[in-house]
């Protein structure tokens, strides 16, 4: 019985994390200037892959110049959750 309660707790936690990630959006900044806005997780990963390919082909944009803002929807308003440098 105890292990069943732990399993249910883990399932609820995973569902909450999944729901939260579905409500996240991403902004990408280069040298402080926003170059992409309100991307879904899939769009974000695609853009970051494109930027990395561009860097290896042309030398720009430099990875040190890129920042990511993670936004979280709260009552239909997007608020910055965290900034990743």
PDB file of N, CA and C in Angstrom:
ATOM      1  N   UNK A   1       0.828  -1.189   0.000  1.00  0.00           N
ATOM      2  CA  UNK A   1       0.000   0.000   0.000  1.00  0.00           C
ATOM      3  C   UNK A   1       0.870   1.250   0.000  1.00  0.00           C
ATOM      4  N   UNK A   2       1.929   1.238   0.784  1.00  0.00           N
ATOM      5  CA  UNK A   2       2.800   2.393   0.883  1.00  0.00           C
ATOM      6  C   UNK A   2       3.435   2.705  -0.473  1.00  0.00           C
ATOM      7  N   UNK A   3       3.926   1.675  -1.185  1.00  0.00           N
ATOM      8  CA  UNK A   3       4.567   1.903  -2.483  1.00  0.00           C
ATOM      9  C   UNK A   3       3.544   2.403  -3.504  1.00  0.00           C
ATOM     10  N   UNK A   4       2.295   1.998  -3.383  1.00  0.00           N
ATOM     11  CA  UNK A   4       1.245   2.493  -4.272  1.00  0.00           C
ATOM     12  C   UNK A   4       1.010   3.981  -4.092  1.00  0.00           C
ATOM     13  N   UNK A   5       1.068   4.455  -2.863  1.00  0.00           N
ATOM     14  CA  UNK A   5       0.880   5.878  -2.588  1.00  0.00           C
ATOM     15  C   UNK A   5       2.038   6.686  -3.164  1.00  0.00           C
ATOM     16  N   UNK A   6       3.242   6.148  -3.058  1.00  0.00           N
ATOM     17  CA  UNK A   6       4.413   6.825  -3.623  1.00  0.00           C
ATOM     18  C   UNK A   6       4.294   6.883  -5.135  1.00  0.00           C
ATOM     19  N   UNK A   7       3.859   5.810  -5.751  1.00  0.00           N
ATOM     20  CA  UNK A   7       3.695   5.755  -7.206  1.00  0.00           C
ATOM     21  C   UNK A   7       2.675   6.792  -7.672  1.00  0.00           C
ATOM     22  N   UNK A   8       1.558   6.913  -6.975  1.00  0.00           N
ATOM     23  CA  UNK A   8       0.538   7.905  -7.318  1.00  0.00           C
ATOM     24  C   UNK A   8       1.103   9.310  -7.145  1.00  0.00           C
ATOM     25  N   UNK A   9       1.859   9.519  -6.078  1.00  0.00           N
ATOM     26  CA  UNK A   9       2.470  10.822  -5.842  1.00  0.00           C
ATOM     27  C   UNK A   9       3.417  11.199  -6.967  1.00  0.00           C
ATOM     28  N   UNK A  10       4.221  10.253  -7.433  1.00  0.00           N
ATOM     29  CA  UNK A  10       5.139  10.508  -8.543  1.00  0.00           C
ATOM     30  C   UNK A  10       4.368  10.826  -9.818  1.00  0.00           C
ATOM     31  N   UNK A  11       3.279  10.119 -10.055  1.00  0.00           N
ATOM     32  CA  UNK A  11       2.455  10.352 -11.234  1.00  0.00           C
ATOM     33  C   UNK A  11       1.860  11.755 -11.210  1.00  0.00           C
ATOM     34  N   UNK A  12       1.355  12.182 -10.066  1.00  0.00           N
ATOM     35  CA  UNK A  12       0.790  13.527  -9.930  1.00  0.00           C
ATOM     36  C   UNK A  12       1.871  14.569 -10.175  1.00  0.00           C
ATOM     37  N   UNK A  13       3.061  14.359  -9.611  1.00  0.00           N
ATOM     38  CA  UNK A  13       4.173  15.296  -9.802  1.00  0.00           C
ATOM     39  C   UNK A  13       4.537  15.391 -11.274  1.00  0.00           C
ATOM     40  N   UNK A  14       4.616  14.267 -11.968  1.00  0.00           N
ATOM     41  CA  UNK A  14       4.951  14.275 -13.399  1.00  0.00           C
ATOM     42  C   UNK A  14       3.883  14.992 -14.202  1.00  0.00           C
ATOM     43  N   UNK A  15       2.627  14.795 -13.867  1.00  0.00           N
ATOM     44  CA  UNK A  15       1.546  15.483 -14.580  1.00  0.00           C
ATOM     45  C   UNK A  15       1.623  16.989 -14.353  1.00  0.00           C
ATOM     46  N   UNK A  16       1.937  17.407 -13.116  1.00  0.00           N
ATOM     47  CA  UNK A  16       2.072  18.835 -12.824  1.00  0.00           C
ATOM     48  C   UNK A  16       3.235  19.431 -13.604  1.00  0.00           C
ATOM     49  N   UNK A  17       4.371  18.716 -13.661  1.00  0.00           N
ATOM     50  CA  UNK A  17       5.524  19.203 -14.415  1.00  0.00           C
ATOM     51  C   UNK A  17       5.188  19.290 -15.891  1.00  0.00           C
ATOM     52  N   UNK A  18       4.490  18.286 -16.408  1.00  0.00           N
ATOM     53  CA  UNK A  18       4.099  18.276 -17.813  1.00  0.00           C
ATOM     54  C   UNK A  18       3.165  19.439 -18.120  1.00  0.00           C
ATOM     55  N   UNK A  19       2.205  19.699 -17.217  1.00  0.00           N
ATOM     56  CA  UNK A  19       1.270  20.811 -17.404  1.00  0.00           C
ATOM     57  C   UNK A  19       2.014  22.131 -17.368  1.00  0.00           C
ATOM     58  N   UNK A  20       2.946  22.264 -16.415  1.00  0.00           N
ATOM     59  CA  UNK A  20       3.696  23.513 -16.301  1.00  0.00           C
ATOM     60  C   UNK A  20       4.528  23.748 -17.552  1.00  0.00           C
ATOM     61  N   UNK A  21       5.169  22.704 -18.074  1.00  0.00           N
ATOM     62  CA  UNK A  21       5.975  22.862 -19.276  1.00  0.00           C
ATOM     63  C   UNK A  21       5.111  23.244 -20.470  1.00  0.00           C
ATOM     64  N   UNK A  22       3.871  22.752 -20.511  1.00  0.00           N
ATOM     65  CA  UNK A  22       2.978  23.100 -21.604  1.00  0.00           C
ATOM     66  C   UNK A  22       2.609  24.573 -21.559  1.00  0.00           C
ATOM     67  N   UNK A  23       2.690  25.180 -20.388  1.00  0.00           N
ATOM     68  CA  UNK A  23       2.353  26.593 -20.215  1.00  0.00           C
ATOM     69  C   UNK A  23       3.584  27.494 -20.222  1.00  0.00           C
ATOM     70  N   UNK A  24       4.737  26.941 -20.584  1.00  0.00           N
ATOM     71  CA  UNK A  24       5.947  27.741 -20.671  1.00  0.00           C
ATOM     72  C   UNK A  24       6.176  28.203 -22.095  1.00  0.00           C
ATOM     73  N   UNK A  25       6.765  29.375 -22.232  1.00  0.00           N
ATOM     74  CA  UNK A  25       7.187  29.908 -23.520  1.00  0.00           C
ATOM     75  C   UNK A  25       8.612  30.420 -23.345  1.00  0.00           C
ATOM     76  N   UNK A  26       9.310  30.572 -24.441  1.00  0.00           N
ATOM     77  CA  UNK A  26      10.718  30.927 -24.402  1.00  0.00           C
ATOM     78  C   UNK A  26      11.007  32.113 -25.310  1.00  0.00           C
ATOM     79  N   UNK A  27      11.807  33.046 -24.804  1.00  0.00           N
ATOM     80  CA  UNK A  27      12.335  34.139 -25.605  1.00  0.00           C
ATOM     81  C   UNK A  27      13.831  33.910 -25.740  1.00  0.00           C
ATOM     82  N   UNK A  28      14.378  34.220 -26.905  1.00  0.00           N
ATOM     83  CA  UNK A  28      15.819  34.135 -27.109  1.00  0.00           C
ATOM     84  C   UNK A  28      16.334  35.539 -27.379  1.00  0.00           C
ATOM     85  N   UNK A  29      17.359  35.918 -26.627  1.00  0.00           N
ATOM     86  CA  UNK A  29      17.967  37.234 -26.786  1.00  0.00           C
ATOM     87  C   UNK A  29      19.404  37.071 -27.269  1.00  0.00           C
ATOM     88  N   UNK A  30      19.834  37.985 -28.119  1.00  0.00           N
ATOM     89  CA  UNK A  30      21.213  38.027 -28.579  1.00  0.00           C
ATOM     90  C   UNK A  30      21.739  39.421 -28.274  1.00  0.00           C
ATOM     91  N   UNK A  31      22.782  39.474 -27.430  1.00  0.00           N
ATOM     92  CA  UNK A  31      23.350  40.745 -26.966  1.00  0.00           C
ATOM     93  C   UNK A  31      22.273  41.638 -26.358  1.00  0.00           C
ATOM     94  N   UNK A  32      21.344  41.024 -25.615  1.00  0.00           N
ATOM     95  CA  UNK A  32      20.296  41.768 -24.929  1.00  0.00           C
ATOM     96  C   UNK A  32      19.098  42.136 -25.780  1.00  0.00           C
ATOM     97  N   UNK A  33      19.154  41.867 -27.089  1.00  0.00           N
ATOM     98  CA  UNK A  33      18.047  42.202 -27.991  1.00  0.00           C
ATOM     99  C   UNK A  33      17.239  40.928 -28.283  1.00  0.00           C
ATOM    100  N   UNK A  34      15.939  40.995 -28.091  1.00  0.00           N
ATOM    101  CA  UNK A  34      15.086  39.836 -28.309  1.00  0.00           C
ATOM    102  C   UNK A  34      15.035  39.515 -29.804  1.00  0.00           C
ATOM    103  N   UNK A  35      15.436  38.274 -30.162  1.00  0.00           N
ATOM    104  CA  UNK A  35      15.424  37.876 -31.566  1.00  0.00           C
ATOM    105  C   UNK A  35      14.336  36.840 -31.862  1.00  0.00           C
ATOM    106  N   UNK A  36      13.834  36.165 -30.820  1.00  0.00           N
ATOM    107  CA  UNK A  36      12.695  35.255 -30.941  1.00  0.00           C
ATOM    108  C   UNK A  36      11.833  35.416 -29.705  1.00  0.00           C
ATOM    109  N   UNK A  37      10.512  35.368 -29.897  1.00  0.00           N
ATOM    110  CA  UNK A  37       9.588  35.585 -28.784  1.00  0.00           C
ATOM    111  C   UNK A  37       8.542  34.490 -28.700  1.00  0.00           C
ATOM    112  N   UNK A  38       8.180  34.165 -27.492  1.00  0.00           N
ATOM    113  CA  UNK A  38       7.044  33.304 -27.185  1.00  0.00           C
ATOM    114  C   UNK A  38       7.078  31.975 -27.942  1.00  0.00           C
ATOM    115  N   UNK A  39       8.229  31.320 -27.914  1.00  0.00           N
ATOM    116  CA  UNK A  39       8.372  30.030 -28.587  1.00  0.00           C
ATOM    117  C   UNK A  39       7.877  28.901 -27.686  1.00  0.00           C
ATOM    118  N   UNK A  40       7.272  27.890 -28.293  1.00  0.00           N
ATOM    119  CA  UNK A  40       6.958  26.675 -27.547  1.00  0.00           C
ATOM    120  C   UNK A  40       8.270  25.934 -27.308  1.00  0.00           C
ATOM    121  N   UNK A  41       8.250  24.900 -26.505  1.00  0.00           N
ATOM    122  CA  UNK A  41       9.460  24.134 -26.226  1.00  0.00           C
ATOM    123  C   UNK A  41      10.036  23.552 -27.522  1.00  0.00           C
ATOM    124  N   UNK A  42       9.189  22.984 -28.349  1.00  0.00           N
ATOM    125  CA  UNK A  42       9.646  22.386 -29.610  1.00  0.00           C
ATOM    126  C   UNK A  42      10.246  23.453 -30.532  1.00  0.00           C
ATOM    127  N   UNK A  43       9.576  24.593 -30.643  1.00  0.00           N
ATOM    128  CA  UNK A  43      10.093  25.682 -31.471  1.00  0.00           C
ATOM    129  C   UNK A  43      11.437  26.172 -30.925  1.00  0.00           C
ATOM    130  N   UNK A  44      11.527  26.278 -29.602  1.00  0.00           N
ATOM    131  CA  UNK A  44      12.759  26.726 -28.958  1.00  0.00           C
ATOM    132  C   UNK A  44      13.927  25.807 -29.318  1.00  0.00           C
ATOM    133  N   UNK A  45      13.717  24.504 -29.182  1.00  0.00           N
ATOM    134  CA  UNK A  45      14.791  23.559 -29.489  1.00  0.00           C
ATOM    135  C   UNK A  45      15.169  23.607 -30.967  1.00  0.00           C
ATOM    136  N   UNK A  46      14.194  23.772 -31.844  1.00  0.00           N
ATOM    137  CA  UNK A  46      14.489  23.884 -33.274  1.00  0.00           C
ATOM    138  C   UNK A  46      15.319  25.128 -33.575  1.00  0.00           C
ATOM    139  N   UNK A  47      14.946  26.261 -32.984  1.00  0.00           N
ATOM    140  CA  UNK A  47      15.689  27.506 -33.206  1.00  0.00           C
ATOM    141  C   UNK A  47      17.100  27.387 -32.649  1.00  0.00           C
ATOM    142  N   UNK A  48      17.249  26.816 -31.453  1.00  0.00           N
ATOM    143  CA  UNK A  48      18.585  26.672 -30.867  1.00  0.00           C
ATOM    144  C   UNK A  48      19.461  25.759 -31.723  1.00  0.00           C
ATOM    145  N   UNK A  49      18.866  24.730 -32.293  1.00  0.00           N
ATOM    146  CA  UNK A  49      19.613  23.855 -33.199  1.00  0.00           C
ATOM    147  C   UNK A  49      20.057  24.639 -34.437  1.00  0.00           C
ATOM    148  N   UNK A  50      19.142  25.430 -35.008  1.00  0.00           N
ATOM    149  CA  UNK A  50      19.484  26.256 -36.175  1.00  0.00           C
ATOM    150  C   UNK A  50      20.592  27.248 -35.841  1.00  0.00           C
ATOM    151  N   UNK A  51      20.509  27.874 -34.662  1.00  0.00           N
ATOM    152  CA  UNK A  51      21.533  28.840 -34.251  1.00  0.00           C
ATOM    153  C   UNK A  51      22.895  28.164 -34.055  1.00  0.00           C
ATOM    154  N   UNK A  52      22.896  26.953 -33.532  1.00  0.00           N
ATOM    155  CA  UNK A  52      24.166  26.253 -33.330  1.00  0.00           C
ATOM    156  C   UNK A  52      24.787  25.871 -34.675  1.00  0.00           C
ATOM    157  N   UNK A  53      23.976  25.449 -35.624  1.00  0.00           N
ATOM    158  CA  UNK A  53      24.482  25.128 -36.969  1.00  0.00           C
ATOM    159  C   UNK A  53      25.047  26.389 -37.618  1.00  0.00           C
ATOM    160  N   UNK A  54      24.307  27.488 -37.486  1.00  0.00           N
ATOM    161  CA  UNK A  54      24.759  28.767 -38.046  1.00  0.00           C
ATOM    162  C   UNK A  54      26.095  29.182 -37.423  1.00  0.00           C
ATOM    163  N   UNK A  55      26.251  28.977 -36.115  1.00  0.00           N
ATOM    164  CA  UNK A  55      27.492  29.326 -35.436  1.00  0.00           C
ATOM    165  C   UNK A  55      28.665  28.527 -36.006  1.00  0.00           C
ATOM    166  N   UNK A  56      28.480  27.228 -36.196  1.00  0.00           N
ATOM    167  CA  UNK A  56      29.582  26.399 -36.695  1.00  0.00           C
ATOM    168  C   UNK A  56      29.884  26.678 -38.165  1.00  0.00           C
ATOM    169  N   UNK A  57      28.922  27.186 -38.913  1.00  0.00           N
ATOM    170  CA  UNK A  57      29.146  27.510 -40.317  1.00  0.00           C
ATOM    171  C   UNK A  57      29.721  28.913 -40.506  1.00  0.00           C
ATOM    172  N   UNK A  58      29.291  29.870 -39.676  1.00  0.00           N
ATOM    173  CA  UNK A  58      29.664  31.272 -39.909  1.00  0.00           C
ATOM    174  C   UNK A  58      30.429  31.916 -38.752  1.00  0.00           C
ATOM    175  N   UNK A  59      30.398  31.302 -37.576  1.00  0.00           N
ATOM    176  CA  UNK A  59      31.044  31.896 -36.408  1.00  0.00           C
ATOM    177  C   UNK A  59      30.144  32.832 -35.622  1.00  0.00           C
ATOM    178  N   UNK A  60      28.902  32.988 -36.060  1.00  0.00           N
ATOM    179  CA  UNK A  60      27.940  33.858 -35.357  1.00  0.00           C
ATOM    180  C   UNK A  60      26.569  33.193 -35.391  1.00  0.00           C
ATOM    181  N   UNK A  61      25.761  33.400 -34.420  1.00  0.00           N
ATOM    182  CA  UNK A  61      25.955  34.193 -33.199  1.00  0.00           C
ATOM    183  C   UNK A  61      26.803  33.427 -32.187  1.00  0.00           C
ATOM    184  N   UNK A  62      27.582  34.168 -31.472  1.00  0.00           N
ATOM    185  CA  UNK A  62      28.460  33.601 -30.447  1.00  0.00           C
ATOM    186  C   UNK A  62      27.592  33.099 -29.277  1.00  0.00           C
ATOM    187  N   UNK A  63      27.801  31.874 -28.821  1.00  0.00           N
ATOM    188  CA  UNK A  63      26.972  31.329 -27.733  1.00  0.00           C
ATOM    189  C   UNK A  63      26.951  32.204 -26.481  1.00  0.00           C
ATOM    190  N   UNK A  64      28.051  32.904 -26.199  1.00  0.00           N
ATOM    191  CA  UNK A  64      28.104  33.766 -25.018  1.00  0.00           C
ATOM    192  C   UNK A  64      27.167  34.960 -25.137  1.00  0.00           C
ATOM    193  N   UNK A  65      26.751  35.288 -26.368  1.00  0.00           N
ATOM    194  CA  UNK A  65      25.856  36.427 -26.595  1.00  0.00           C
ATOM    195  C   UNK A  65      24.381  36.063 -26.453  1.00  0.00           C
ATOM    196  N   UNK A  66      24.086  34.762 -26.335  1.00  0.00           N
ATOM    197  CA  UNK A  66      22.695  34.309 -26.293  1.00  0.00           C
ATOM    198  C   UNK A  66      22.201  34.133 -24.859  1.00  0.00           C
ATOM    199  N   UNK A  67      20.960  34.526 -24.633  1.00  0.00           N
ATOM    200  CA  UNK A  67      20.276  34.312 -23.355  1.00  0.00           C
ATOM    201  C   UNK A  67      18.885  33.773 -23.650  1.00  0.00           C
ATOM    202  N   UNK A  68      18.340  33.042 -22.692  1.00  0.00           N
ATOM    203  CA  UNK A  68      16.981  32.529 -22.807  1.00  0.00           C
ATOM    204  C   UNK A  68      16.159  33.033 -21.642  1.00  0.00           C
ATOM    205  N   UNK A  69      14.979  33.550 -21.939  1.00  0.00           N
ATOM    206  CA  UNK A  69      14.007  33.895 -20.907  1.00  0.00           C
ATOM    207  C   UNK A  69      12.921  32.832 -20.932  1.00  0.00           C
ATOM    208  N   UNK A  70      12.626  32.278 -19.777  1.00  0.00           N
ATOM    209  CA  UNK A  70      11.550  31.293 -19.671  1.00  0.00           C
ATOM    210  C   UNK A  70      10.347  32.009 -19.089  1.00  0.00           C
ATOM    211  N   UNK A  71       9.238  31.958 -19.812  1.00  0.00           N
ATOM    212  CA  UNK A  71       8.008  32.623 -19.393  1.00  0.00           C
ATOM    213  C   UNK A  71       6.999  31.580 -18.939  1.00  0.00           C
ATOM    214  N   UNK A  72       6.196  31.920 -17.950  1.00  0.00           N
ATOM    215  CA  UNK A  72       5.158  31.037 -17.433  1.00  0.00           C
ATOM    216  C   UNK A  72       3.836  31.777 -17.463  1.00  0.00           C
ATOM    217  N   UNK A  73       2.812  31.106 -17.971  1.00  0.00           N
ATOM    218  CA  UNK A  73       1.486  31.720 -18.037  1.00  0.00           C
ATOM    219  C   UNK A  73       0.830  31.665 -16.663  1.00  0.00           C
ATOM    220  N   UNK A  74       0.332  32.819 -16.228  1.00  0.00           N
ATOM    221  CA  UNK A  74      -0.342  32.914 -14.939  1.00  0.00           C
ATOM    222  C   UNK A  74      -1.587  33.778 -15.143  1.00  0.00           C
ATOM    223  N   UNK A  75      -2.764  33.148 -15.093  1.00  0.00           N
ATOM    224  CA  UNK A  75      -4.032  33.859 -15.317  1.00  0.00           C
ATOM    225  C   UNK A  75      -4.037  34.601 -16.654  1.00  0.00           C
ATOM    226  N   UNK A  76      -3.630  33.893 -17.696  1.00  0.00           N
ATOM    227  CA  UNK A  76      -3.594  34.415 -19.070  1.00  0.00           C
ATOM    228  C   UNK A  76      -2.609  35.557 -19.264  1.00  0.00           C
ATOM    229  N   UNK A  77      -1.649  35.703 -18.357  1.00  0.00           N
ATOM    230  CA  UNK A  77      -0.605  36.718 -18.484  1.00  0.00           C
ATOM    231  C   UNK A  77       0.741  35.997 -18.448  1.00  0.00           C
ATOM    232  N   UNK A  78       1.594  36.302 -19.417  1.00  0.00           N
ATOM    233  CA  UNK A  78       2.926  35.692 -19.463  1.00  0.00           C
ATOM    234  C   UNK A  78       3.870  36.484 -18.577  1.00  0.00           C
ATOM    235  N   UNK A  79       4.508  35.784 -17.630  1.00  0.00           N
ATOM    236  CA  UNK A  79       5.441  36.412 -16.702  1.00  0.00           C
ATOM    237  C   UNK A  79       6.780  35.686 -16.779  1.00  0.00           C
ATOM    238  N   UNK A  80       7.859  36.443 -16.631  1.00  0.00           N
ATOM    239  CA  UNK A  80       9.177  35.821 -16.670  1.00  0.00           C
ATOM    240  C   UNK A  80       9.361  34.928 -15.466  1.00  0.00           C
ATOM    241  N   UNK A  81       9.665  33.675 -15.732  1.00  0.00           N
ATOM    242  CA  UNK A  81       9.904  32.701 -14.670  1.00  0.00           C
ATOM    243  C   UNK A  81      11.383  32.715 -14.291  1.00  0.00           C
ATOM    244  N   UNK A  82      12.261  32.676 -15.299  1.00  0.00           N
ATOM    245  CA  UNK A  82      13.684  32.742 -15.033  1.00  0.00           C
ATOM    246  C   UNK A  82      14.426  33.117 -16.298  1.00  0.00           C
ATOM    247  N   UNK A  83      15.644  33.573 -16.105  1.00  0.00           N
ATOM    248  CA  UNK A  83      16.500  33.964 -17.217  1.00  0.00           C
ATOM    249  C   UNK A  83      17.717  33.061 -17.184  1.00  0.00           C
ATOM    250  N   UNK A  84      18.066  32.469 -18.321  1.00  0.00           N
ATOM    251  CA  UNK A  84      19.196  31.550 -18.403  1.00  0.00           C
ATOM    252  C   UNK A  84      20.235  32.168 -19.323  1.00  0.00           C
ATOM    253  N   UNK A  85      21.443  32.296 -18.804  1.00  0.00           N
ATOM    254  CA  UNK A  85      22.529  32.895 -19.605  1.00  0.00           C
ATOM    255  C   UNK A  85      23.397  31.791 -20.138  1.00  0.00           C
TER     256      UNK A  85
END
